Amino acid sequence: MTSNQNQSPSTPPAPATLVLASSSPRRQELIAKLGLPVLIRPSHADEDTPAGWSPARIVEELSLRKAKAVIDGAEPSDLKGDGAVSIVVGSDTIVALGEEAMGKPKNAADAEAMLERLQGRTHEVYTGVTCLELESGRAVTTHRVTRVRMRKLSKEQISRYVETGEPMDKAGAYGIQDRGALLVEGIEGDFYSVMGLPVSLLAEMLESFGIVKP
């Protein structure tokens, strides 16, 4: 019998590296929950979409576009960590009132108009996610929908919230994780999806690349 006493134990492979195609602090905070190495590579993809596209199509297309833009705009070595696999993660979020998509407000007046329409009503938040494997180019794209009911608000309340500046970089002109939580009466679905990255959905998507978390 051959002895294995002098053989070194095999070194486990380094974990996959996730490349987040976003500069959003919220998404950076959320992707860290997966416990994998993360590289931050902001995407500068064109976010214009044709009129008439459904909210689901918009967020899926833009999440894929963002992931591709990161790969197209960087050297492969800049997207690789210590592991054998790098997955670029693109994400896009919009608010929809019926089939009407609401992105980020153009200015304070636009933010006030959005909130005036949303207050006292239930709307949907769509978040699209793409996982794009650097080595193979294989992409998986899907989306999640969460229903949010906003409480009734006066014009003065809306104006005061807009004056904080918080709505200006948020889809639908509010951030549920910050002061915008005071505007929300109820939520049905994934809270993290409303923040901008449904981490449980992302974990499911990564399984198709052989990455199982937890």
N, C-alpha and C. Protein backbone atom coordinates (compact mmCIF):
# COMPACT_ATOMS: atom_id res chain seq x y z
N MET A 1 0.86 -1.19 0.00
CA MET A 1 0.00 0.00 0.00
C MET A 1 0.89 1.23 0.00
N THR A 2 0.53 2.18 -0.82
CA THR A 2 1.30 3.41 -0.89
C THR A 2 0.84 4.38 0.18
N SER A 3 1.80 4.94 0.90
CA SER A 3 1.46 5.89 1.97
C SER A 3 1.25 7.27 1.38
N ASN A 4 0.22 8.00 1.90
CA ASN A 4 -0.06 9.37 1.47
C ASN A 4 0.38 10.39 2.51
N GLN A 5 1.16 9.91 3.52
CA GLN A 5 1.50 10.78 4.63
C GLN A 5 2.33 11.98 4.18
N ASN A 6 3.16 11.80 3.16
CA ASN A 6 4.03 12.88 2.74
C ASN A 6 3.43 13.76 1.63
N GLN A 7 2.19 13.41 1.24
CA GLN A 7 1.57 14.20 0.18
C GLN A 7 0.86 15.42 0.78
N SER A 8 1.07 16.58 0.15
CA SER A 8 0.39 17.77 0.65
C SER A 8 -1.08 17.71 0.28
N PRO A 9 -1.92 18.20 1.18
CA PRO A 9 -3.34 18.22 0.86
C PRO A 9 -3.60 19.14 -0.33
N SER A 10 -4.56 18.75 -1.16
CA SER A 10 -4.85 19.57 -2.33
C SER A 10 -5.41 20.92 -1.88
N THR A 11 -5.02 21.96 -2.59
CA THR A 11 -5.49 23.31 -2.27
C THR A 11 -6.85 23.53 -2.93
N PRO A 12 -7.84 23.92 -2.15
CA PRO A 12 -9.15 24.14 -2.77
C PRO A 12 -9.08 25.30 -3.76
N PRO A 13 -9.84 25.23 -4.82
CA PRO A 13 -9.80 26.31 -5.81
C PRO A 13 -10.28 27.62 -5.20
N ALA A 14 -9.71 28.71 -5.68
CA ALA A 14 -10.14 30.03 -5.21
C ALA A 14 -11.58 30.28 -5.63
N PRO A 15 -12.35 31.00 -4.81
CA PRO A 15 -13.75 31.24 -5.17
C PRO A 15 -13.87 32.11 -6.42
N ALA A 16 -15.01 31.99 -7.06
CA ALA A 16 -15.28 32.82 -8.24
C ALA A 16 -15.28 34.29 -7.84
N THR A 17 -14.91 35.13 -8.78
CA THR A 17 -14.93 36.57 -8.56
C THR A 17 -16.15 37.17 -9.25
N LEU A 18 -16.88 38.01 -8.53
CA LEU A 18 -17.99 38.73 -9.11
C LEU A 18 -17.52 40.13 -9.49
N VAL A 19 -17.91 40.58 -10.66
CA VAL A 19 -17.56 41.92 -11.14
C VAL A 19 -18.86 42.72 -11.22
N LEU A 20 -19.04 43.66 -10.33
CA LEU A 20 -20.27 44.43 -10.29
C LEU A 20 -20.20 45.59 -11.27
N ALA A 21 -21.11 45.59 -12.23
CA ALA A 21 -21.13 46.63 -13.27
C ALA A 21 -21.93 47.83 -12.78
N SER A 22 -21.52 48.42 -11.67
CA SER A 22 -22.26 49.53 -11.08
C SER A 22 -21.39 50.27 -10.08
N SER A 23 -21.64 51.56 -9.95
CA SER A 23 -20.97 52.35 -8.92
C SER A 23 -21.90 52.61 -7.74
N SER A 24 -23.08 52.00 -7.75
CA SER A 24 -24.08 52.23 -6.71
C SER A 24 -23.61 51.69 -5.36
N PRO A 25 -23.53 52.52 -4.33
CA PRO A 25 -23.16 52.01 -3.00
C PRO A 25 -24.15 50.97 -2.49
N ARG A 26 -25.42 51.10 -2.86
CA ARG A 26 -26.43 50.14 -2.41
C ARG A 26 -26.16 48.76 -3.00
N ARG A 27 -25.88 48.72 -4.29
CA ARG A 27 -25.61 47.43 -4.93
C ARG A 27 -24.30 46.83 -4.41
N GLN A 28 -23.32 47.67 -4.13
CA GLN A 28 -22.06 47.17 -3.57
C GLN A 28 -22.30 46.53 -2.21
N GLU A 29 -23.14 47.16 -1.42
CA GLU A 29 -23.47 46.62 -0.09
C GLU A 29 -24.19 45.28 -0.22
N LEU A 30 -25.11 45.19 -1.17
CA LEU A 30 -25.92 43.97 -1.31
C LEU A 30 -25.12 42.81 -1.88
N ILE A 31 -24.30 43.05 -2.90
CA ILE A 31 -23.57 41.94 -3.52
C ILE A 31 -22.57 41.34 -2.53
N ALA A 32 -22.12 42.15 -1.57
CA ALA A 32 -21.18 41.65 -0.57
C ALA A 32 -21.80 40.57 0.30
N LYS A 33 -23.13 40.51 0.37
CA LYS A 33 -23.82 39.51 1.18
C LYS A 33 -23.57 38.09 0.68
N LEU A 34 -23.14 37.95 -0.58
CA LEU A 34 -22.88 36.62 -1.12
C LEU A 34 -21.57 36.03 -0.60
N GLY A 35 -20.73 36.86 -0.02
CA GLY A 35 -19.48 36.37 0.56
C GLY A 35 -18.43 35.96 -0.45
N LEU A 36 -18.50 36.50 -1.65
CA LEU A 36 -17.52 36.21 -2.70
C LEU A 36 -16.67 37.46 -2.97
N PRO A 37 -15.46 37.28 -3.51
CA PRO A 37 -14.66 38.45 -3.89
C PRO A 37 -15.40 39.27 -4.94
N VAL A 38 -15.36 40.59 -4.79
CA VAL A 38 -16.09 41.47 -5.70
C VAL A 38 -15.16 42.56 -6.23
N LEU A 39 -15.18 42.75 -7.55
CA LEU A 39 -14.52 43.88 -8.18
C LEU A 39 -15.59 44.88 -8.62
N ILE A 40 -15.36 46.16 -8.42
CA ILE A 40 -16.32 47.19 -8.82
C ILE A 40 -15.84 47.81 -10.12
N ARG A 41 -16.63 47.65 -11.17
CA ARG A 41 -16.30 48.21 -12.48
C ARG A 41 -17.53 48.92 -13.03
N PRO A 42 -17.70 50.21 -12.72
CA PRO A 42 -18.90 50.93 -13.18
C PRO A 42 -19.11 50.83 -14.68
N SER A 43 -20.37 50.67 -15.05
CA SER A 43 -20.72 50.59 -16.46
C SER A 43 -21.16 51.95 -16.98
N HIS A 44 -20.79 52.23 -18.21
CA HIS A 44 -21.20 53.49 -18.83
C HIS A 44 -22.06 53.19 -20.07
N ALA A 45 -22.91 52.21 -19.94
CA ALA A 45 -23.75 51.78 -21.06
C ALA A 45 -24.82 52.82 -21.37
N ASP A 46 -25.21 52.87 -22.62
CA ASP A 46 -26.33 53.71 -23.05
C ASP A 46 -27.61 53.12 -22.46
N GLU A 47 -28.40 53.94 -21.77
CA GLU A 47 -29.60 53.44 -21.10
C GLU A 47 -30.88 53.86 -21.80
N ASP A 48 -30.77 54.36 -23.02
CA ASP A 48 -31.98 54.71 -23.78
C ASP A 48 -32.65 53.45 -24.30
N THR A 49 -33.97 53.43 -24.24
CA THR A 49 -34.73 52.30 -24.78
C THR A 49 -35.90 52.82 -25.59
N PRO A 50 -36.36 52.06 -26.58
CA PRO A 50 -37.48 52.51 -27.41
C PRO A 50 -38.77 52.65 -26.61
N ALA A 51 -39.58 53.61 -27.00
CA ALA A 51 -40.91 53.75 -26.40
C ALA A 51 -41.72 52.48 -26.69
N GLY A 52 -42.50 52.09 -25.72
CA GLY A 52 -43.35 50.92 -25.93
C GLY A 52 -42.80 49.63 -25.36
N TRP A 53 -41.53 49.63 -24.97
CA TRP A 53 -40.99 48.43 -24.33
C TRP A 53 -41.64 48.22 -22.97
N SER A 54 -41.89 46.98 -22.62
CA SER A 54 -42.46 46.67 -21.31
C SER A 54 -41.41 46.90 -20.23
N PRO A 55 -41.83 47.14 -18.98
CA PRO A 55 -40.86 47.29 -17.89
C PRO A 55 -39.91 46.10 -17.77
N ALA A 56 -40.44 44.88 -17.94
CA ALA A 56 -39.59 43.69 -17.83
C ALA A 56 -38.52 43.69 -18.92
N ARG A 57 -38.91 44.04 -20.13
CA ARG A 57 -37.93 44.05 -21.23
C ARG A 57 -36.87 45.12 -21.00
N ILE A 58 -37.29 46.28 -20.48
CA ILE A 58 -36.34 47.36 -20.25
C ILE A 58 -35.26 46.94 -19.26
N VAL A 59 -35.66 46.40 -18.10
CA VAL A 59 -34.66 46.08 -17.07
C VAL A 59 -33.77 44.91 -17.48
N GLU A 60 -34.33 43.95 -18.21
CA GLU A 60 -33.50 42.84 -18.66
C GLU A 60 -32.49 43.30 -19.70
N GLU A 61 -32.94 44.09 -20.67
CA GLU A 61 -32.04 44.59 -21.71
C GLU A 61 -30.95 45.47 -21.12
N LEU A 62 -31.30 46.35 -20.20
CA LEU A 62 -30.30 47.26 -19.64
C LEU A 62 -29.33 46.53 -18.72
N SER A 63 -29.79 45.53 -18.00
CA SER A 63 -28.85 44.78 -17.15
C SER A 63 -27.83 44.05 -18.02
N LEU A 64 -28.28 43.50 -19.14
CA LEU A 64 -27.36 42.82 -20.07
C LEU A 64 -26.43 43.82 -20.72
N ARG A 65 -26.97 44.96 -21.12
CA ARG A 65 -26.18 46.00 -21.77
C ARG A 65 -25.07 46.50 -20.84
N LYS A 66 -25.40 46.67 -19.57
CA LYS A 66 -24.41 47.14 -18.59
C LYS A 66 -23.28 46.13 -18.41
N ALA A 67 -23.65 44.85 -18.33
CA ALA A 67 -22.62 43.81 -18.16
C ALA A 67 -21.70 43.75 -19.38
N LYS A 68 -22.30 43.82 -20.57
CA LYS A 68 -21.50 43.77 -21.79
C LYS A 68 -20.59 44.99 -21.91
N ALA A 69 -21.08 46.16 -21.50
CA ALA A 69 -20.29 47.38 -21.61
C ALA A 69 -19.04 47.30 -20.75
N VAL A 70 -19.14 46.65 -19.59
CA VAL A 70 -17.96 46.50 -18.73
C VAL A 70 -16.92 45.61 -19.40
N ILE A 71 -17.38 44.51 -20.00
CA ILE A 71 -16.44 43.61 -20.68
C ILE A 71 -15.82 44.29 -21.90
N ASP A 72 -16.64 45.02 -22.65
CA ASP A 72 -16.13 45.69 -23.86
C ASP A 72 -15.15 46.82 -23.53
N GLY A 73 -15.30 47.41 -22.35
CA GLY A 73 -14.49 48.57 -22.02
C GLY A 73 -13.28 48.29 -21.15
N ALA A 74 -12.96 47.02 -20.93
CA ALA A 74 -11.83 46.70 -20.04
C ALA A 74 -11.01 45.56 -20.61
N GLU A 75 -9.77 45.50 -20.20
CA GLU A 75 -8.93 44.35 -20.53
C GLU A 75 -9.39 43.16 -19.69
N PRO A 76 -9.39 41.95 -20.26
CA PRO A 76 -9.81 40.78 -19.49
C PRO A 76 -9.08 40.64 -18.16
N SER A 77 -7.79 40.99 -18.12
CA SER A 77 -7.02 40.86 -16.89
C SER A 77 -7.54 41.80 -15.80
N ASP A 78 -8.20 42.88 -16.21
CA ASP A 78 -8.74 43.84 -15.23
C ASP A 78 -10.02 43.34 -14.59
N LEU A 79 -10.57 42.25 -15.12
CA LEU A 79 -11.84 41.71 -14.62
C LEU A 79 -11.66 40.37 -13.93
N LYS A 80 -10.44 39.94 -13.78
CA LYS A 80 -10.18 38.63 -13.18
C LYS A 80 -9.65 38.78 -11.77
N GLY A 81 -10.16 37.95 -10.89
CA GLY A 81 -9.63 37.87 -9.55
C GLY A 81 -8.68 36.69 -9.45
N ASP A 82 -8.58 36.11 -8.27
CA ASP A 82 -7.68 34.97 -8.08
C ASP A 82 -8.29 33.66 -8.54
N GLY A 83 -9.61 33.63 -8.67
CA GLY A 83 -10.27 32.39 -9.05
C GLY A 83 -10.23 32.15 -10.55
N ALA A 84 -10.71 30.98 -10.95
CA ALA A 84 -10.68 30.61 -12.37
C ALA A 84 -11.84 31.24 -13.13
N VAL A 85 -12.85 31.70 -12.40
CA VAL A 85 -14.07 32.18 -13.05
C VAL A 85 -14.38 33.60 -12.59
N SER A 86 -14.75 34.45 -13.54
CA SER A 86 -15.24 35.80 -13.22
C SER A 86 -16.63 35.95 -13.81
N ILE A 87 -17.56 36.41 -13.01
CA ILE A 87 -18.93 36.64 -13.45
C ILE A 87 -19.23 38.12 -13.34
N VAL A 88 -19.52 38.75 -14.47
CA VAL A 88 -19.91 40.16 -14.46
C VAL A 88 -21.41 40.23 -14.17
N VAL A 89 -21.77 41.04 -13.18
CA VAL A 89 -23.17 41.17 -12.76
C VAL A 89 -23.67 42.56 -13.12
N GLY A 90 -24.66 42.60 -14.00
CA GLY A 90 -25.32 43.85 -14.36
C GLY A 90 -26.72 43.89 -13.78
N SER A 91 -27.17 45.06 -13.38
CA SER A 91 -28.50 45.16 -12.79
C SER A 91 -29.13 46.50 -13.16
N ASP A 92 -30.45 46.50 -13.31
CA ASP A 92 -31.16 47.74 -13.61
C ASP A 92 -32.53 47.70 -12.93
N THR A 93 -32.94 48.84 -12.39
CA THR A 93 -34.20 48.93 -11.65
C THR A 93 -35.04 50.08 -12.17
N ILE A 94 -36.33 49.83 -12.35
CA ILE A 94 -37.26 50.90 -12.68
C ILE A 94 -38.54 50.71 -11.86
N VAL A 95 -39.26 51.79 -11.72
CA VAL A 95 -40.58 51.78 -11.09
C VAL A 95 -41.62 51.83 -12.21
N ALA A 96 -42.67 51.06 -12.05
CA ALA A 96 -43.72 51.04 -13.08
C ALA A 96 -45.08 51.27 -12.44
N LEU A 97 -45.80 52.20 -12.99
CA LEU A 97 -47.19 52.44 -12.60
C LEU A 97 -48.04 51.94 -13.74
N GLY A 98 -48.62 50.76 -13.55
CA GLY A 98 -49.23 50.07 -14.67
C GLY A 98 -48.11 49.61 -15.59
N GLU A 99 -48.18 49.94 -16.85
CA GLU A 99 -47.13 49.59 -17.81
C GLU A 99 -46.21 50.77 -18.10
N GLU A 100 -46.43 51.88 -17.39
CA GLU A 100 -45.59 53.06 -17.60
C GLU A 100 -44.33 52.97 -16.74
N ALA A 101 -43.18 52.99 -17.38
CA ALA A 101 -41.91 52.89 -16.67
C ALA A 101 -41.44 54.26 -16.20
N MET A 102 -40.95 54.30 -14.96
CA MET A 102 -40.39 55.53 -14.40
C MET A 102 -38.94 55.27 -14.02
N GLY A 103 -38.05 56.00 -14.66
CA GLY A 103 -36.64 55.88 -14.31
C GLY A 103 -36.27 56.92 -13.28
N LYS A 104 -35.05 57.43 -13.36
CA LYS A 104 -34.59 58.47 -12.44
C LYS A 104 -35.14 59.82 -12.89
N PRO A 105 -35.51 60.67 -11.96
CA PRO A 105 -36.05 61.99 -12.34
C PRO A 105 -34.98 62.86 -13.00
N LYS A 106 -35.41 63.70 -13.92
CA LYS A 106 -34.49 64.60 -14.62
C LYS A 106 -34.11 65.79 -13.75
N ASN A 107 -35.02 66.21 -12.89
CA ASN A 107 -34.79 67.37 -12.03
C ASN A 107 -35.78 67.31 -10.86
N ALA A 108 -35.73 68.33 -10.00
CA ALA A 108 -36.60 68.32 -8.81
C ALA A 108 -38.07 68.35 -9.19
N ALA A 109 -38.43 69.12 -10.20
CA ALA A 109 -39.84 69.19 -10.62
C ALA A 109 -40.32 67.83 -11.11
N ASP A 110 -39.46 67.13 -11.84
CA ASP A 110 -39.80 65.79 -12.33
C ASP A 110 -39.97 64.83 -11.16
N ALA A 111 -39.10 64.94 -10.15
CA ALA A 111 -39.20 64.08 -8.97
C ALA A 111 -40.52 64.32 -8.24
N GLU A 112 -40.90 65.58 -8.08
CA GLU A 112 -42.16 65.89 -7.42
C GLU A 112 -43.35 65.33 -8.20
N ALA A 113 -43.29 65.44 -9.52
CA ALA A 113 -44.38 64.94 -10.35
C ALA A 113 -44.51 63.41 -10.22
N MET A 114 -43.37 62.72 -10.20
CA MET A 114 -43.40 61.26 -10.03
C MET A 114 -44.04 60.88 -8.70
N LEU A 115 -43.59 61.52 -7.63
CA LEU A 115 -44.11 61.18 -6.31
C LEU A 115 -45.57 61.54 -6.15
N GLU A 116 -45.99 62.61 -6.79
CA GLU A 116 -47.40 63.00 -6.76
C GLU A 116 -48.25 61.90 -7.38
N ARG A 117 -47.77 61.26 -8.42
CA ARG A 117 -48.51 60.19 -9.08
C ARG A 117 -48.47 58.89 -8.28
N LEU A 118 -47.36 58.64 -7.58
CA LEU A 118 -47.21 57.39 -6.85
C LEU A 118 -47.91 57.41 -5.49
N GLN A 119 -48.02 58.58 -4.87
CA GLN A 119 -48.54 58.64 -3.50
C GLN A 119 -49.97 58.11 -3.43
N GLY A 120 -50.22 57.32 -2.39
CA GLY A 120 -51.55 56.75 -2.18
C GLY A 120 -51.89 55.59 -3.10
N ARG A 121 -50.91 55.09 -3.88
CA ARG A 121 -51.18 54.03 -4.85
C ARG A 121 -50.15 52.91 -4.72
N THR A 122 -50.46 51.79 -5.35
CA THR A 122 -49.54 50.66 -5.41
C THR A 122 -48.86 50.65 -6.77
N HIS A 123 -47.55 50.49 -6.75
CA HIS A 123 -46.79 50.40 -8.00
C HIS A 123 -45.89 49.17 -7.96
N GLU A 124 -45.26 48.87 -9.08
CA GLU A 124 -44.35 47.72 -9.17
C GLU A 124 -42.92 48.22 -9.35
N VAL A 125 -42.00 47.53 -8.73
CA VAL A 125 -40.57 47.79 -8.94
C VAL A 125 -39.99 46.58 -9.66
N TYR A 126 -39.44 46.82 -10.84
CA TYR A 126 -38.82 45.77 -11.66
C TYR A 126 -37.31 45.90 -11.54
N THR A 127 -36.64 44.81 -11.25
CA THR A 127 -35.18 44.80 -11.26
C THR A 127 -34.70 43.65 -12.13
N GLY A 128 -33.93 43.99 -13.15
CA GLY A 128 -33.34 42.99 -14.03
C GLY A 128 -31.92 42.69 -13.60
N VAL A 129 -31.52 41.43 -13.74
CA VAL A 129 -30.17 41.01 -13.37
C VAL A 129 -29.59 40.15 -14.49
N THR A 130 -28.35 40.41 -14.84
CA THR A 130 -27.61 39.59 -15.80
C THR A 130 -26.33 39.08 -15.15
N CYS A 131 -26.05 37.80 -15.34
CA CYS A 131 -24.76 37.21 -14.98
C CYS A 131 -24.08 36.82 -16.29
N LEU A 132 -22.92 37.39 -16.55
CA LEU A 132 -22.20 37.17 -17.80
C LEU A 132 -20.81 36.62 -17.48
N GLU A 133 -20.57 35.38 -17.87
CA GLU A 133 -19.29 34.74 -17.56
C GLU A 133 -18.21 35.26 -18.50
N LEU A 134 -17.15 35.79 -17.92
CA LEU A 134 -16.09 36.40 -18.71
C LEU A 134 -15.43 35.39 -19.64
N GLU A 135 -15.15 34.20 -19.12
CA GLU A 135 -14.36 33.23 -19.88
C GLU A 135 -15.13 32.67 -21.08
N SER A 136 -16.40 32.36 -20.90
CA SER A 136 -17.17 31.71 -21.97
C SER A 136 -18.08 32.66 -22.74
N GLY A 137 -18.39 33.81 -22.14
CA GLY A 137 -19.33 34.74 -22.77
C GLY A 137 -20.78 34.35 -22.56
N ARG A 138 -21.03 33.28 -21.78
CA ARG A 138 -22.41 32.84 -21.55
C ARG A 138 -23.11 33.80 -20.60
N ALA A 139 -24.34 34.16 -20.95
CA ALA A 139 -25.11 35.12 -20.14
C ALA A 139 -26.44 34.51 -19.70
N VAL A 140 -26.84 34.83 -18.48
CA VAL A 140 -28.15 34.47 -17.96
C VAL A 140 -28.80 35.76 -17.49
N THR A 141 -30.01 36.02 -17.97
CA THR A 141 -30.70 37.27 -17.64
C THR A 141 -32.12 36.98 -17.20
N THR A 142 -32.57 37.63 -16.14
CA THR A 142 -33.96 37.51 -15.69
C THR A 142 -34.32 38.75 -14.89
N HIS A 143 -35.51 38.76 -14.29
CA HIS A 143 -35.92 39.92 -13.50
C HIS A 143 -36.84 39.49 -12.37
N ARG A 144 -37.04 40.39 -11.44
CA ARG A 144 -37.94 40.16 -10.32
C ARG A 144 -38.83 41.38 -10.16
N VAL A 145 -40.08 41.15 -9.74
CA VAL A 145 -41.05 42.22 -9.56
C VAL A 145 -41.51 42.26 -8.10
N THR A 146 -41.54 43.45 -7.53
CA THR A 146 -42.02 43.65 -6.16
C THR A 146 -43.06 44.75 -6.17
N ARG A 147 -44.15 44.54 -5.44
CA ARG A 147 -45.22 45.53 -5.35
C ARG A 147 -45.01 46.40 -4.11
N VAL A 148 -45.13 47.69 -4.31
CA VAL A 148 -44.92 48.65 -3.21
C VAL A 148 -46.12 49.59 -3.14
N ARG A 149 -46.66 49.76 -1.94
CA ARG A 149 -47.75 50.74 -1.76
C ARG A 149 -47.20 51.95 -1.02
N MET A 150 -47.38 53.11 -1.63
CA MET A 150 -46.93 54.35 -1.02
C MET A 150 -48.10 55.01 -0.28
N ARG A 151 -47.85 55.54 0.90
CA ARG A 151 -48.93 56.18 1.65
C ARG A 151 -49.30 57.53 1.04
N LYS A 152 -50.44 58.06 1.44
CA LYS A 152 -50.88 59.35 0.93
C LYS A 152 -49.98 60.45 1.48
N LEU A 153 -49.58 61.33 0.61
CA LEU A 153 -48.65 62.41 0.98
C LEU A 153 -49.18 63.75 0.50
N SER A 154 -48.95 64.78 1.29
CA SER A 154 -49.32 66.13 0.87
C SER A 154 -48.24 66.68 -0.06
N LYS A 155 -48.57 67.75 -0.75
CA LYS A 155 -47.59 68.40 -1.62
C LYS A 155 -46.40 68.90 -0.80
N GLU A 156 -46.66 69.35 0.41
CA GLU A 156 -45.59 69.84 1.28
C GLU A 156 -44.65 68.71 1.67
N GLN A 157 -45.20 67.55 1.99
CA GLN A 157 -44.36 66.41 2.35
C GLN A 157 -43.49 65.99 1.17
N ILE A 158 -44.07 65.95 0.00
CA ILE A 158 -43.32 65.59 -1.20
C ILE A 158 -42.20 66.60 -1.45
N SER A 159 -42.52 67.88 -1.34
CA SER A 159 -41.51 68.92 -1.57
C SER A 159 -40.36 68.81 -0.58
N ARG A 160 -40.69 68.56 0.69
CA ARG A 160 -39.62 68.45 1.70
C ARG A 160 -38.73 67.25 1.41
N TYR A 161 -39.32 66.16 0.97
CA TYR A 161 -38.51 64.97 0.66
C TYR A 161 -37.61 65.25 -0.54
N VAL A 162 -38.15 65.88 -1.56
CA VAL A 162 -37.35 66.19 -2.75
C VAL A 162 -36.21 67.14 -2.40
N GLU A 163 -36.45 68.06 -1.49
CA GLU A 163 -35.42 69.01 -1.08
C GLU A 163 -34.21 68.33 -0.42
N THR A 164 -34.38 67.12 0.08
CA THR A 164 -33.24 66.41 0.67
C THR A 164 -32.24 65.98 -0.40
N GLY A 165 -32.67 65.95 -1.66
CA GLY A 165 -31.80 65.51 -2.75
C GLY A 165 -31.78 64.01 -2.95
N GLU A 166 -32.35 63.28 -2.01
CA GLU A 166 -32.31 61.82 -2.09
C GLU A 166 -32.97 61.24 -3.35
N PRO A 167 -34.08 61.80 -3.83
CA PRO A 167 -34.76 61.18 -4.98
C PRO A 167 -34.01 61.25 -6.29
N MET A 168 -32.99 62.11 -6.40
CA MET A 168 -32.47 62.45 -7.72
C MET A 168 -31.75 61.32 -8.44
N ASP A 169 -31.21 60.34 -7.73
CA ASP A 169 -30.54 59.23 -8.41
C ASP A 169 -31.28 57.91 -8.18
N LYS A 170 -32.60 58.02 -7.91
CA LYS A 170 -33.39 56.83 -7.61
C LYS A 170 -34.51 56.65 -8.64
N ALA A 171 -34.70 55.43 -9.09
CA ALA A 171 -35.84 55.13 -9.96
C ALA A 171 -37.13 55.41 -9.19
N GLY A 172 -38.05 56.13 -9.84
CA GLY A 172 -39.30 56.46 -9.18
C GLY A 172 -39.19 57.58 -8.17
N ALA A 173 -37.99 58.15 -8.02
CA ALA A 173 -37.75 59.32 -7.17
C ALA A 173 -37.85 59.03 -5.67
N TYR A 174 -37.55 57.78 -5.26
CA TYR A 174 -37.47 57.53 -3.82
C TYR A 174 -36.52 56.36 -3.56
N GLY A 175 -35.94 56.37 -2.36
CA GLY A 175 -35.05 55.28 -1.95
C GLY A 175 -35.60 54.62 -0.71
N ILE A 176 -36.06 53.39 -0.84
CA ILE A 176 -36.74 52.72 0.27
C ILE A 176 -35.80 52.43 1.44
N GLN A 177 -34.49 52.40 1.18
CA GLN A 177 -33.54 52.08 2.24
C GLN A 177 -33.14 53.30 3.05
N ASP A 178 -33.57 54.49 2.62
CA ASP A 178 -33.20 55.72 3.32
C ASP A 178 -34.46 56.44 3.79
N ARG A 179 -34.51 57.75 3.64
CA ARG A 179 -35.69 58.50 4.08
C ARG A 179 -36.95 58.08 3.35
N GLY A 180 -36.77 57.53 2.15
CA GLY A 180 -37.92 57.08 1.39
C GLY A 180 -38.73 56.01 2.08
N ALA A 181 -38.14 55.34 3.07
CA ALA A 181 -38.89 54.33 3.83
C ALA A 181 -40.10 54.96 4.52
N LEU A 182 -40.01 56.26 4.83
CA LEU A 182 -41.12 56.95 5.49
C LEU A 182 -42.32 57.14 4.57
N LEU A 183 -42.09 56.96 3.28
CA LEU A 183 -43.18 57.14 2.30
C LEU A 183 -43.94 55.84 2.04
N VAL A 184 -43.36 54.71 2.44
CA VAL A 184 -43.88 53.40 2.04
C VAL A 184 -44.80 52.83 3.12
N GLU A 185 -45.97 52.42 2.67
CA GLU A 185 -46.97 51.85 3.57
C GLU A 185 -46.86 50.33 3.65
N GLY A 186 -46.47 49.71 2.55
CA GLY A 186 -46.37 48.25 2.54
C GLY A 186 -45.59 47.76 1.33
N ILE A 187 -45.13 46.52 1.45
CA ILE A 187 -44.34 45.93 0.36
C ILE A 187 -44.71 44.46 0.23
N GLU A 188 -44.83 44.00 -0.99
CA GLU A 188 -45.12 42.59 -1.26
C GLU A 188 -44.06 42.06 -2.22
N GLY A 189 -43.10 41.33 -1.67
CA GLY A 189 -42.02 40.81 -2.51
C GLY A 189 -40.67 41.01 -1.87
N ASP A 190 -39.67 41.22 -2.71
CA ASP A 190 -38.26 41.25 -2.30
C ASP A 190 -37.80 42.67 -2.01
N PHE A 191 -37.54 42.97 -0.73
CA PHE A 191 -37.08 44.29 -0.33
C PHE A 191 -35.78 44.67 -1.03
N TYR A 192 -34.85 43.70 -1.15
CA TYR A 192 -33.56 43.99 -1.77
C TYR A 192 -33.71 44.30 -3.26
N SER A 193 -34.73 43.76 -3.88
CA SER A 193 -34.99 44.08 -5.28
C SER A 193 -35.34 45.56 -5.44
N VAL A 194 -36.11 46.09 -4.49
CA VAL A 194 -36.45 47.51 -4.52
C VAL A 194 -35.20 48.36 -4.29
N MET A 195 -34.26 47.87 -3.49
CA MET A 195 -33.00 48.58 -3.28
C MET A 195 -32.12 48.57 -4.52
N GLY A 196 -32.31 47.57 -5.40
CA GLY A 196 -31.55 47.57 -6.64
C GLY A 196 -30.83 46.28 -7.00
N LEU A 197 -30.85 45.28 -6.09
CA LEU A 197 -30.19 44.01 -6.42
C LEU A 197 -30.80 42.88 -5.59
N PRO A 198 -31.66 42.05 -6.20
CA PRO A 198 -32.27 40.93 -5.47
C PRO A 198 -31.25 39.82 -5.25
N VAL A 199 -30.65 39.79 -4.07
CA VAL A 199 -29.52 38.90 -3.84
C VAL A 199 -29.93 37.42 -3.84
N SER A 200 -31.14 37.11 -3.42
CA SER A 200 -31.56 35.71 -3.46
C SER A 200 -31.71 35.23 -4.91
N LEU A 201 -32.23 36.10 -5.77
CA LEU A 201 -32.33 35.77 -7.20
C LEU A 201 -30.94 35.61 -7.80
N LEU A 202 -30.03 36.50 -7.44
CA LEU A 202 -28.66 36.41 -7.95
C LEU A 202 -28.00 35.10 -7.52
N ALA A 203 -28.24 34.69 -6.27
CA ALA A 203 -27.68 33.43 -5.80
C ALA A 203 -28.20 32.25 -6.63
N GLU A 204 -29.48 32.28 -6.97
CA GLU A 204 -30.06 31.22 -7.81
C GLU A 204 -29.42 31.22 -9.18
N MET A 205 -29.21 32.40 -9.76
CA MET A 205 -28.63 32.50 -11.09
C MET A 205 -27.20 31.99 -11.11
N LEU A 206 -26.44 32.24 -10.05
CA LEU A 206 -25.06 31.80 -10.00
C LEU A 206 -24.93 30.28 -9.97
N GLU A 207 -25.98 29.60 -9.50
CA GLU A 207 -25.93 28.14 -9.47
C GLU A 207 -25.77 27.55 -10.87
N SER A 208 -26.28 28.25 -11.90
CA SER A 208 -26.15 27.73 -13.26
C SER A 208 -24.69 27.81 -13.75
N PHE A 209 -23.84 28.52 -13.01
CA PHE A 209 -22.43 28.59 -13.33
C PHE A 209 -21.60 27.73 -12.35
N GLY A 210 -22.29 26.90 -11.57
CA GLY A 210 -21.60 26.04 -10.63
C GLY A 210 -21.20 26.72 -9.34
N ILE A 211 -21.75 27.88 -9.06
CA ILE A 211 -21.43 28.63 -7.84
C ILE A 211 -22.63 28.54 -6.91
N VAL A 212 -22.49 27.83 -5.80
CA VAL A 212 -23.62 27.58 -4.91
C VAL A 212 -23.39 28.35 -3.61
N LYS A 213 -24.32 29.25 -3.30
CA LYS A 213 -24.28 30.01 -2.07
C LYS A 213 -25.67 29.99 -1.44
N PRO A 214 -25.82 29.82 -0.13
CA PRO A 214 -24.71 29.59 0.83
C PRO A 214 -24.23 28.17 0.72
